[in-house]
N, C-alpha and C. Protein backbone atom coordinates (compact mmCIF):
# COMPACT_ATOMS: atom_id res chain seq x y z
N UNK A 1 -23.38 40.85 -0.08
CA UNK A 1 -21.40 40.29 0.22
C UNK A 1 -20.86 39.96 0.94
N UNK A 2 -21.08 40.57 2.45
CA UNK A 2 -19.68 39.40 3.29
C UNK A 2 -20.40 37.27 2.93
N UNK A 3 -21.56 37.13 2.89
CA UNK A 3 -22.10 36.46 2.08
C UNK A 3 -21.30 35.49 1.23
N UNK A 4 -21.51 37.21 -0.35
CA UNK A 4 -20.44 36.10 -1.12
C UNK A 4 -19.11 35.57 -0.80
N UNK A 5 -18.48 36.83 0.34
CA UNK A 5 -17.11 35.86 -0.01
C UNK A 5 -17.46 35.22 1.61
N UNK A 6 -17.74 34.92 1.63
CA UNK A 6 -18.10 34.07 3.41
C UNK A 6 -18.22 31.83 2.38
N UNK A 7 -18.85 32.26 1.42
CA UNK A 7 -19.36 31.48 0.60
C UNK A 7 -18.15 30.66 -0.86
N UNK A 8 -17.70 32.14 -0.89
CA UNK A 8 -16.15 31.55 -1.62
C UNK A 8 -14.84 30.73 -1.41
N UNK A 9 -15.14 31.33 0.58
CA UNK A 9 -13.85 31.19 1.48
C UNK A 9 -14.10 29.00 1.72
N UNK A 10 -15.90 29.23 1.77
CA UNK A 10 -16.55 27.90 2.49
C UNK A 10 -16.27 27.05 0.88
N UNK A 11 -15.91 27.28 -0.23
CA UNK A 11 -15.40 26.80 -1.55
C UNK A 11 -14.48 26.18 -1.75
N UNK A 12 -13.13 27.28 -1.18
CA UNK A 12 -11.65 27.20 -2.07
C UNK A 12 -11.90 26.21 -0.56
N UNK A 13 -11.54 25.90 0.76
CA UNK A 13 -12.42 25.45 1.73
C UNK A 13 -11.47 23.48 2.18
N UNK A 14 -12.71 23.69 1.26
CA UNK A 14 -13.43 22.23 0.88
C UNK A 14 -12.44 21.72 -0.18
N UNK A 15 -12.82 22.42 -1.34
CA UNK A 15 -11.42 22.20 -2.55
C UNK A 15 -9.99 21.55 -2.00
N UNK A 16 -9.99 22.09 -1.11
CA UNK A 16 -7.82 22.54 -0.70
C UNK A 16 -8.28 20.51 -0.26
N UNK A 17 -9.27 20.77 0.86
CA UNK A 17 -9.94 19.89 1.39
C UNK A 17 -9.70 18.24 0.50
N UNK A 18 -10.56 18.47 -0.47
CA UNK A 18 -11.07 17.67 -0.97
C UNK A 18 -9.79 16.97 -1.89
N UNK A 19 -8.36 17.93 -1.54
CA UNK A 19 -7.57 17.87 -3.08
C UNK A 19 -6.93 16.67 -1.70
N UNK A 20 -5.94 15.11 -2.66
CA UNK A 20 -5.82 13.96 -2.40
C UNK A 20 -3.83 14.27 -1.66
N UNK A 21 -4.42 13.80 -0.42
CA UNK A 21 -2.55 13.63 0.16
C UNK A 21 -1.81 12.55 -0.71
N UNK A 22 -0.20 13.24 -0.98
CA UNK A 22 0.89 11.76 -2.48
C UNK A 22 0.69 11.22 -1.14
N UNK A 23 0.53 10.80 -0.21
CA UNK A 23 0.47 9.56 0.36
C UNK A 23 -0.69 8.82 0.91
N UNK A 24 -1.62 9.36 0.87
CA UNK A 24 -3.48 9.05 0.04
C UNK A 24 -3.09 7.95 -0.73
N UNK A 25 -4.61 6.30 0.05
CA UNK A 25 -3.85 5.73 -1.44
C UNK A 25 -5.58 4.70 -0.85
N UNK A 26 -6.37 5.12 -2.53
CA UNK A 26 -7.56 4.81 -2.87
C UNK A 26 -7.82 3.56 -3.32
N UNK A 27 -9.03 3.23 -4.35
CA UNK A 27 -8.91 1.77 -5.42
C UNK A 27 -8.37 2.96 -6.27
N UNK A 28 -7.02 1.10 -6.97
CA UNK A 28 -6.70 1.51 -8.12
C UNK A 28 -5.71 2.81 -7.73
N UNK A 29 -5.28 2.86 -6.54
CA UNK A 29 -4.18 3.93 -6.68
C UNK A 29 -3.44 4.55 -5.20
N UNK A 30 -1.69 4.58 -5.12
CA UNK A 30 -0.79 4.59 -4.08
C UNK A 30 -0.21 5.40 -4.42
N UNK A 31 -1.43 6.72 -3.62
CA UNK A 31 -0.09 8.20 -3.46
C UNK A 31 -0.09 8.92 -5.69
N UNK A 32 0.65 8.62 -5.60
CA UNK A 32 1.46 9.58 -7.32
C UNK A 32 0.78 8.48 -8.58
N UNK A 33 0.74 7.53 -7.02
CA UNK A 33 0.45 5.64 -8.82
C UNK A 33 -0.74 5.40 -9.77
N UNK A 34 -0.98 5.04 -10.15
CA UNK A 34 -2.42 3.95 -10.36
C UNK A 34 -2.14 3.58 -10.87
N UNK A 35 -2.88 2.12 -11.40
CA UNK A 35 -2.83 0.67 -12.27
C UNK A 35 -2.32 0.43 -13.25
N UNK A 36 -2.89 2.07 -13.93
CA UNK A 36 -2.60 2.07 -15.46
C UNK A 36 -0.92 2.60 -15.40
N UNK A 37 0.00 3.65 -14.55
CA UNK A 37 1.61 3.97 -14.55
C UNK A 37 1.63 3.37 -14.72
N UNK A 38 2.55 3.56 -16.35
CA UNK A 38 3.89 2.96 -17.21
C UNK A 38 5.71 3.17 -15.96
N UNK A 39 5.31 2.09 -15.83
CA UNK A 39 6.82 1.93 -15.12
C UNK A 39 7.89 2.92 -15.20
N UNK A 40 8.00 2.65 -16.79
CA UNK A 40 8.55 3.97 -17.60
C UNK A 40 8.45 5.55 -17.27
N UNK A 41 7.70 5.62 -16.45
CA UNK A 41 7.99 7.54 -16.06
C UNK A 41 7.09 7.26 -14.56
N UNK A 42 8.07 6.14 -13.84
CA UNK A 42 7.75 6.50 -13.40
C UNK A 42 9.16 7.66 -12.00
N UNK A 43 10.23 7.82 -13.27
CA UNK A 43 11.04 8.83 -13.04
C UNK A 43 10.19 10.72 -12.68
N UNK A 44 9.68 10.35 -13.85
CA UNK A 44 8.76 11.07 -13.98
C UNK A 44 7.62 11.97 -12.95
N UNK A 45 7.19 10.97 -12.37
CA UNK A 45 5.76 10.54 -11.22
C UNK A 45 6.80 11.45 -9.28
N UNK A 46 7.93 10.38 -9.90
CA UNK A 46 8.99 10.61 -8.49
C UNK A 46 10.03 11.38 -8.91
N UNK A 47 9.37 12.60 -9.67
CA UNK A 47 10.87 13.91 -9.60
C UNK A 47 11.87 13.74 -8.34
N UNK A 48 10.50 14.32 -7.67
CA UNK A 48 11.30 15.54 -6.67
C UNK A 48 11.76 13.99 -5.31
N UNK A 49 11.71 12.68 -5.65
CA UNK A 49 12.59 12.19 -4.77
C UNK A 49 12.76 11.37 -5.55
N UNK A 50 13.99 9.95 -5.22
CA UNK A 50 14.82 9.65 -5.90
C UNK A 50 14.10 8.33 -5.76
N UNK A 51 14.22 7.61 -7.47
CA UNK A 51 14.08 6.45 -7.15
C UNK A 51 15.19 5.23 -8.05
N UNK A 52 15.59 3.94 -7.22
CA UNK A 52 16.71 2.92 -8.08
C UNK A 52 16.08 2.62 -8.29
N UNK A 53 16.37 2.06 -9.61
CA UNK A 53 15.95 1.66 -10.71
C UNK A 53 17.53 1.35 -11.47
N UNK A 54 17.75 -0.07 -12.93
CA UNK A 54 18.31 1.25 -13.43
C UNK A 54 17.44 0.92 -14.58
N UNK A 55 17.42 2.54 -15.52
CA UNK A 55 17.97 3.82 -15.67
C UNK A 55 17.83 3.07 -17.75
N UNK A 56 18.68 1.86 -17.87
CA UNK A 56 18.55 1.23 -19.09
C UNK A 56 17.69 -0.04 -19.29
N UNK A 57 17.09 -0.46 -18.18
CA UNK A 57 16.11 -1.82 -18.83
C UNK A 57 14.78 -0.71 -18.24
N UNK A 58 15.21 0.51 -17.83
CA UNK A 58 13.58 1.45 -17.63
C UNK A 58 13.41 2.11 -18.93
N UNK A 59 14.48 2.50 -19.63
CA UNK A 59 14.15 3.04 -21.30
C UNK A 59 14.29 1.33 -22.09
N UNK A 60 14.58 0.31 -21.76
CA UNK A 60 14.02 -0.31 -22.49
C UNK A 60 13.35 -1.08 -22.18
N UNK A 61 11.94 -0.53 -21.34
CA UNK A 61 10.44 -1.63 -20.64
C UNK A 61 10.64 -2.81 -20.50
N UNK A 62 12.30 -2.82 -19.84
CA UNK A 62 13.28 -4.88 -19.04
C UNK A 62 13.52 -4.50 -18.47
N UNK A 63 11.91 -3.96 -17.03
CA UNK A 63 12.84 -3.76 -15.79
C UNK A 63 12.15 -5.08 -15.19
N UNK A 64 13.21 -6.32 -14.51
CA UNK A 64 12.94 -7.00 -14.33
C UNK A 64 12.87 -6.65 -12.45
N UNK A 65 14.08 -6.37 -11.69
CA UNK A 65 14.30 -6.18 -10.38
C UNK A 65 12.88 -5.36 -9.98
N UNK A 66 12.49 -5.04 -8.50
CA UNK A 66 11.44 -3.97 -7.53
C UNK A 66 12.45 -3.09 -7.46
N UNK A 67 11.83 -1.90 -8.17
CA UNK A 67 11.77 -0.46 -7.63
C UNK A 67 11.74 0.09 -6.52
N UNK A 68 13.09 0.62 -6.49
CA UNK A 68 12.60 1.49 -4.70
C UNK A 68 12.31 2.27 -4.75
N UNK A 69 11.81 3.44 -4.59
CA UNK A 69 11.22 4.44 -3.97
C UNK A 69 11.14 5.28 -3.15
N UNK A 70 12.16 6.71 -2.79
CA UNK A 70 12.72 7.21 -1.84
C UNK A 70 12.42 7.84 -1.50
N UNK A 71 12.32 9.26 -0.83
CA UNK A 71 11.86 10.12 -0.25
C UNK A 71 13.87 11.75 -0.16
N UNK A 72 13.73 12.69 -0.89
CA UNK A 72 15.03 12.39 -0.95
C UNK A 72 15.88 12.98 0.29
N UNK A 73 15.22 12.76 1.54
CA UNK A 73 15.45 12.81 2.62
C UNK A 73 16.17 11.48 3.06
N UNK A 74 15.73 10.32 2.42
CA UNK A 74 16.36 9.10 2.71
C UNK A 74 15.18 8.00 2.96
N UNK A 75 14.42 8.35 3.14
CA UNK A 75 12.71 7.73 3.77
C UNK A 75 12.66 6.87 2.28
N UNK A 76 12.63 5.25 2.92
CA UNK A 76 12.26 5.06 2.63
C UNK A 76 10.32 4.29 2.38
N UNK A 77 10.05 4.85 0.19
CA UNK A 77 8.88 4.96 0.63
C UNK A 77 8.00 3.40 0.15
N UNK A 78 8.55 3.41 -1.10
CA UNK A 78 7.37 2.21 -1.40
C UNK A 78 8.61 1.45 -2.71
N UNK A 79 7.82 0.11 -2.28
CA UNK A 79 9.01 -0.89 -3.10
C UNK A 79 7.85 -1.09 -4.29
N UNK A 80 8.23 -1.13 -6.34
CA UNK A 80 7.07 -1.78 -6.59
C UNK A 80 8.00 -2.34 -7.34
N UNK A 81 6.82 -3.00 -7.95
CA UNK A 81 8.06 -4.78 -8.68
C UNK A 81 6.31 -4.94 -10.25
N UNK A 82 6.48 -4.89 -11.17
CA UNK A 82 6.97 -3.61 -12.68
C UNK A 82 5.96 -5.58 -13.00
N UNK A 83 4.96 -5.56 -13.64
CA UNK A 83 4.20 -6.21 -14.74
C UNK A 83 6.55 -7.19 -15.83
N UNK A 84 5.50 -8.08 -16.23
CA UNK A 84 6.55 -8.71 -17.33
C UNK A 84 6.04 -8.68 -19.00
N UNK A 85 5.17 -7.53 -19.02
CA UNK A 85 4.67 -7.14 -19.57
C UNK A 85 4.93 -6.47 -21.63
N UNK A 86 4.86 -6.36 -21.61
CA UNK A 86 5.21 -5.34 -23.14
C UNK A 86 5.57 -3.96 -23.40
N UNK A 87 4.61 -3.52 -22.42
CA UNK A 87 3.57 -2.31 -21.87
C UNK A 87 4.27 -2.98 -20.52
N UNK A 88 5.28 -1.30 -19.64
CA UNK A 88 5.09 -2.40 -19.01
C UNK A 88 4.98 -1.99 -17.43
N UNK A 89 3.59 -2.04 -16.47
CA UNK A 89 3.00 -1.02 -15.03
C UNK A 89 2.84 -1.97 -14.31
N UNK A 90 2.70 -1.09 -12.84
CA UNK A 90 2.41 -1.68 -11.21
C UNK A 90 2.10 -2.91 -11.88
N UNK A 91 3.21 -4.50 -11.07
CA UNK A 91 1.90 -5.37 -11.08
C UNK A 91 1.76 -4.86 -9.23
N UNK A 92 2.92 -5.26 -8.61
CA UNK A 92 2.79 -5.16 -6.72
C UNK A 92 3.97 -4.02 -6.49
N UNK A 93 2.89 -3.72 -5.13
CA UNK A 93 4.01 -2.16 -5.01
C UNK A 93 4.05 -2.82 -2.60
N UNK A 94 4.97 -2.79 -2.39
CA UNK A 94 4.50 -2.63 -0.87
C UNK A 94 4.97 -1.78 -0.46
N UNK A 95 4.16 -1.26 1.07
CA UNK A 95 4.57 0.83 0.80
C UNK A 95 5.12 0.37 2.54
N UNK A 96 6.47 1.22 2.39
CA UNK A 96 8.10 0.89 3.05
C UNK A 96 6.65 3.27 4.18
N UNK A 97 6.41 3.21 4.34
CA UNK A 97 6.72 4.14 4.74
C UNK A 97 4.72 4.75 5.36
N UNK A 98 5.12 4.70 6.54
CA UNK A 98 4.58 5.68 7.59
C UNK A 98 2.65 6.31 7.18
N UNK A 99 3.08 6.84 6.04
CA UNK A 99 2.10 7.88 5.79
C UNK A 99 1.51 7.05 5.51
N UNK A 100 1.94 6.47 4.46
CA UNK A 100 0.73 6.21 3.13
C UNK A 100 -1.00 5.57 3.47
N UNK A 101 -1.02 5.47 3.88
CA UNK A 101 -3.49 5.94 4.66
C UNK A 101 -4.12 5.30 3.59
N UNK A 102 -4.96 3.98 3.82
CA UNK A 102 -5.64 3.98 3.47
C UNK A 102 -7.04 5.06 3.75
N UNK A 103 -8.09 4.90 2.80
CA UNK A 103 -9.69 5.96 2.77
C UNK A 103 -9.84 5.33 3.87
N UNK A 104 -9.68 4.28 4.44
CA UNK A 104 -10.44 4.07 6.27
C UNK A 104 -9.98 4.00 7.10
N UNK A 105 -7.61 4.54 6.53
CA UNK A 105 -7.59 5.07 7.78
C UNK A 105 -6.28 4.21 8.80
N UNK A 106 -5.85 2.63 7.57
CA UNK A 106 -5.54 1.73 7.86
C UNK A 106 -4.21 2.14 7.18
N UNK A 107 -2.54 2.12 7.71
CA UNK A 107 -1.21 1.76 7.89
C UNK A 107 -0.20 1.44 7.70
N UNK A 108 0.61 0.74 7.60
CA UNK A 108 1.48 0.41 8.81
C UNK A 108 1.37 0.89 9.94
N UNK A 109 1.88 -0.73 11.10
CA UNK A 109 1.00 -0.34 12.49
C UNK A 109 -0.40 -0.52 12.51
N UNK A 110 -1.41 -0.17 11.90
CA UNK A 110 -2.33 -0.44 12.37
C UNK A 110 -2.70 -1.95 13.00
N UNK A 111 -3.52 -1.40 14.13
CA UNK A 111 -4.23 -2.79 14.83
C UNK A 111 -4.94 -3.74 13.71
N UNK A 112 -5.05 -4.95 14.13
CA UNK A 112 -5.96 -5.94 13.28
C UNK A 112 -7.49 -5.33 14.46
N UNK A 113 -7.35 -5.51 15.15
CA UNK A 113 -9.35 -4.55 15.69
C UNK A 113 -9.58 -3.21 14.29
N UNK A 114 -8.67 -2.40 14.52
CA UNK A 114 -8.58 -1.45 13.80
C UNK A 114 -9.08 -2.06 11.86
N UNK A 115 -7.88 -3.12 11.58
CA UNK A 115 -7.79 -3.42 10.47
C UNK A 115 -9.79 -3.88 9.74
N UNK A 116 -9.64 -4.74 10.40
CA UNK A 116 -11.17 -5.46 11.06
C UNK A 116 -12.74 -4.90 11.50
N UNK A 117 -12.46 -3.94 11.71
CA UNK A 117 -13.18 -2.24 11.71
C UNK A 117 -13.06 -1.94 10.80
N UNK A 118 -12.35 -1.93 9.59
CA UNK A 118 -12.40 -1.57 8.43
C UNK A 118 -12.50 -1.74 7.47
N UNK A 119 -12.36 -3.36 7.54
CA UNK A 119 -12.31 -3.90 6.64
C UNK A 119 -13.57 -5.51 6.31
N UNK A 120 -13.57 -6.23 5.32
CA UNK A 120 -14.35 -7.94 6.06
C UNK A 120 -13.44 -8.23 5.59
N UNK A 121 -12.43 -9.11 6.74
CA UNK A 121 -11.79 -10.26 5.78
C UNK A 121 -11.70 -10.89 5.01
N UNK A 122 -10.72 -11.59 4.33
CA UNK A 122 -11.77 -12.49 3.27
C UNK A 122 -10.87 -13.95 3.99
N UNK A 123 -9.75 -13.64 3.97
CA UNK A 123 -8.99 -14.59 4.52
C UNK A 123 -7.67 -14.77 4.80
N UNK A 124 -6.91 -15.55 5.47
CA UNK A 124 -6.18 -16.18 6.82
C UNK A 124 -4.72 -16.73 6.07
N UNK A 125 -3.95 -16.12 5.93
CA UNK A 125 -3.65 -18.06 5.22
C UNK A 125 -1.72 -17.84 5.87
N UNK A 126 -1.54 -18.96 6.49
CA UNK A 126 0.35 -18.92 7.13
C UNK A 126 1.53 -18.97 6.69
N UNK A 127 2.49 -19.10 6.48
CA UNK A 127 3.32 -19.10 5.74
C UNK A 127 4.78 -18.14 7.26
N UNK A 128 6.10 -19.10 6.67
CA UNK A 128 7.02 -19.66 7.43
C UNK A 128 6.88 -17.75 8.82
N UNK A 129 6.88 -16.87 8.93
CA UNK A 129 7.26 -15.74 9.35
C UNK A 129 6.25 -15.24 9.44
N UNK A 130 4.96 -15.18 8.90
CA UNK A 130 4.01 -14.56 8.58
C UNK A 130 2.58 -15.18 8.77
N UNK A 131 1.53 -13.93 8.43
CA UNK A 131 0.33 -14.79 8.53
C UNK A 131 -0.10 -13.09 7.29
N UNK A 132 -0.16 -13.93 6.59
CA UNK A 132 -1.21 -12.94 5.47
C UNK A 132 -2.50 -12.88 5.08
N UNK A 133 -2.81 -11.30 5.67
CA UNK A 133 -4.74 -11.66 5.70
C UNK A 133 -4.81 -10.63 4.63
N UNK A 134 -6.33 -11.47 3.69
CA UNK A 134 -6.35 -11.02 2.43
C UNK A 134 -7.43 -10.56 2.71
N UNK A 135 -8.62 -9.19 1.79
CA UNK A 135 -8.95 -8.41 2.98
C UNK A 135 -10.82 -8.59 1.63
N UNK A 136 -10.86 -8.25 1.37
CA UNK A 136 -12.57 -8.82 0.42
C UNK A 136 -12.72 -7.85 -0.09
N UNK A 137 -12.73 -7.42 -1.40
CA UNK A 137 -12.68 -6.01 -2.20
C UNK A 137 -11.95 -4.90 -2.14
N UNK A 138 -11.04 -5.30 -1.60
CA UNK A 138 -9.87 -4.19 -2.44
C UNK A 138 -8.89 -4.86 -2.81
N UNK A 139 -7.79 -3.97 -3.13
CA UNK A 139 -6.83 -4.81 -3.89
C UNK A 139 -5.34 -4.76 -2.29
N UNK A 140 -5.57 -3.97 -2.06
CA UNK A 140 -4.25 -3.75 -0.31
C UNK A 140 -4.15 -5.26 0.28
N UNK A 141 -3.04 -6.07 1.07
CA UNK A 141 -3.80 -6.70 1.45
C UNK A 141 -2.51 -6.87 2.35
N UNK A 142 -2.09 -7.46 3.66
CA UNK A 142 -1.68 -6.24 4.87
C UNK A 142 -0.75 -8.46 5.83
N UNK A 143 -0.53 -8.49 6.15
CA UNK A 143 1.13 -9.35 7.38
C UNK A 143 0.93 -8.40 8.39
N UNK A 144 1.06 -9.55 8.99
CA UNK A 144 1.34 -9.60 9.86
C UNK A 144 2.40 -10.65 10.95
N UNK A 145 3.48 -10.13 12.11
CA UNK A 145 4.30 -10.89 12.82
C UNK A 145 3.82 -12.19 12.89
N UNK A 146 4.41 -13.69 12.95
CA UNK A 146 3.55 -14.51 12.97
C UNK A 146 4.48 -15.17 14.34
N UNK A 147 4.33 -14.24 15.03
CA UNK A 147 4.95 -14.78 16.70
C UNK A 147 4.16 -13.78 17.63
N UNK A 148 2.10 -13.08 16.88
CA UNK A 148 1.44 -12.69 17.58
C UNK A 148 0.26 -13.65 18.04
N UNK A 149 0.95 -15.38 16.94
CA UNK A 149 0.58 -16.59 17.73
C UNK A 149 0.08 -16.66 18.35
N UNK A 150 -1.18 -16.94 18.97
CA UNK A 150 -1.21 -18.65 20.31
C UNK A 150 -0.47 -19.30 20.02
N UNK A 151 -0.10 -19.19 21.51
CA UNK A 151 1.76 -20.43 21.56
C UNK A 151 1.34 -21.52 20.55
N UNK A 152 0.46 -22.33 20.68
CA UNK A 152 -0.47 -24.04 20.27
C UNK A 152 -0.07 -24.09 18.37
N UNK A 153 -0.42 -22.47 17.91
CA UNK A 153 -0.32 -22.51 16.29
C UNK A 153 1.07 -22.10 15.88
N UNK A 154 1.48 -21.02 16.73
CA UNK A 154 2.61 -20.02 16.99
C UNK A 154 3.64 -19.90 15.23
N UNK A 155 4.58 -21.92 16.30
CA UNK A 155 5.15 -22.19 14.83
C UNK A 155 4.45 -23.28 13.52
N UNK A 156 3.93 -24.09 14.63
CA UNK A 156 2.95 -25.32 13.32
C UNK A 156 2.83 -24.88 11.64
N UNK A 157 3.77 -24.92 10.49
CA UNK A 157 3.27 -24.61 9.71
C UNK A 157 1.13 -25.51 9.27
N UNK A 158 1.36 -26.27 9.91
CA UNK A 158 0.45 -27.38 9.45
C UNK A 158 -1.36 -26.04 10.07
N UNK A 159 -1.23 -26.11 10.52
CA UNK A 159 -2.19 -25.26 11.32
C UNK A 159 -3.03 -24.26 10.20
N UNK A 160 -4.11 -24.74 10.38
CA UNK A 160 -5.23 -23.95 10.36
C UNK A 160 -5.50 -22.76 10.35
N UNK A 161 -5.48 -20.78 10.39
CA UNK A 161 -4.57 -20.29 10.69
C UNK A 161 -6.28 -19.38 11.02
N UNK A 162 -7.16 -19.61 11.75
CA UNK A 162 -8.30 -18.55 11.80
C UNK A 162 -8.01 -17.02 12.31
N UNK A 163 -8.78 -15.66 11.88
CA UNK A 163 -8.77 -14.73 12.03
C UNK A 163 -8.89 -14.16 13.65
N UNK A 164 -9.07 -15.02 14.12
CA UNK A 164 -10.32 -15.02 15.72
C UNK A 164 -8.54 -14.52 16.62
N UNK A 165 -7.94 -15.68 15.51
CA UNK A 165 -6.66 -16.76 15.66
C UNK A 165 -5.47 -14.98 16.33
N UNK A 166 -5.92 -14.34 15.27
CA UNK A 166 -4.94 -12.20 15.32
C UNK A 166 -5.19 -11.82 17.39
N UNK A 167 -4.58 -11.34 17.15
CA UNK A 167 -4.61 -10.98 18.78
C UNK A 167 -5.16 -8.74 17.52
N UNK A 168 -6.09 -8.73 19.29
CA UNK A 168 -6.27 -7.76 18.74
C UNK A 168 -5.55 -6.65 18.64
N UNK A 169 -4.44 -6.31 19.60
CA UNK A 169 -2.92 -5.43 19.60
C UNK A 169 -2.02 -5.61 18.04
N UNK A 170 -1.85 -6.39 17.34
CA UNK A 170 -1.50 -7.18 16.63
C UNK A 170 -0.94 -6.28 15.74
N UNK A 171 -0.20 -5.43 15.16
CA UNK A 171 0.66 -4.29 14.57
C UNK A 171 1.23 -4.68 13.46
N UNK A 172 -0.33 -4.47 12.15
CA UNK A 172 0.40 -4.79 10.90
C UNK A 172 2.00 -4.58 10.23
N UNK A 173 2.22 -5.38 9.99
CA UNK A 173 4.59 -5.74 9.25
C UNK A 173 4.72 -5.65 7.91
N UNK A 174 3.06 -5.95 7.61
CA UNK A 174 3.49 -4.66 5.89
C UNK A 174 1.99 -4.68 5.21
N UNK A 175 1.94 -4.27 4.76
CA UNK A 175 1.72 -3.41 3.31
C UNK A 175 1.59 -3.62 2.02
N UNK A 176 1.09 -4.22 1.30
CA UNK A 176 1.17 -4.83 -0.14
C UNK A 176 -0.21 -4.28 -1.62
N UNK A 177 0.33 -3.94 -1.86
CA UNK A 177 -1.37 -4.16 -3.40
C UNK A 177 -0.82 -4.62 -4.12
N UNK A 178 -0.93 -5.40 -4.85
CA UNK A 178 -1.06 -6.40 -5.79
C UNK A 178 -1.99 -6.54 -7.15
N UNK A 179 -1.25 -5.87 -8.60
CA UNK A 179 -2.59 -5.61 -9.57
C UNK A 179 -2.34 -6.03 -10.65
N UNK A 180 -1.73 -7.65 -10.31
CA UNK A 180 -1.14 -8.13 -11.30
C UNK A 180 -2.16 -8.83 -11.55
N UNK A 181 -3.68 -8.62 -11.27
CA UNK A 181 -4.70 -9.38 -11.52
C UNK A 181 -6.23 -8.60 -11.90
N UNK A 182 -4.83 -7.76 -12.75
CA UNK A 182 -6.08 -6.51 -13.44
C UNK A 182 -7.33 -7.26 -13.85
């Protein structure tokens, strides 16, 4: 009898631990939304939160501006850009809240060293104020502030930036997901 109660308790604990948090990011999924989430369902998906969107455009499936999702307390969670197809889906997500975490433990504020340990770096591209790092085999990519780079390449727009030039203690500035190329 004691073994049965123990097994039931263990199964219940396992089931509760395997349920994902609304801030878990995984393959084709960010929290409560996934690659196939229609834009017009965001008000339902985030019913407990606040969605800043033109509701007339949403009903007409003609949203062109990014959609901002806020917690009821005011914290900015996500900025979502829709596709411009007849059935609008999520094209791009910018994660705004540090609680969103990948299965490998990466979140806003993670360091470059943590990122390299969790993912294989596919490429590094410089822009005017940031350095974009794409990751092999996943939809996520991150940016770092260009100010973390060594002086000799920090503000040179002609310089080729290599992953080894990003300091290990550099913190992720932006965490983004691109589903535009389904």
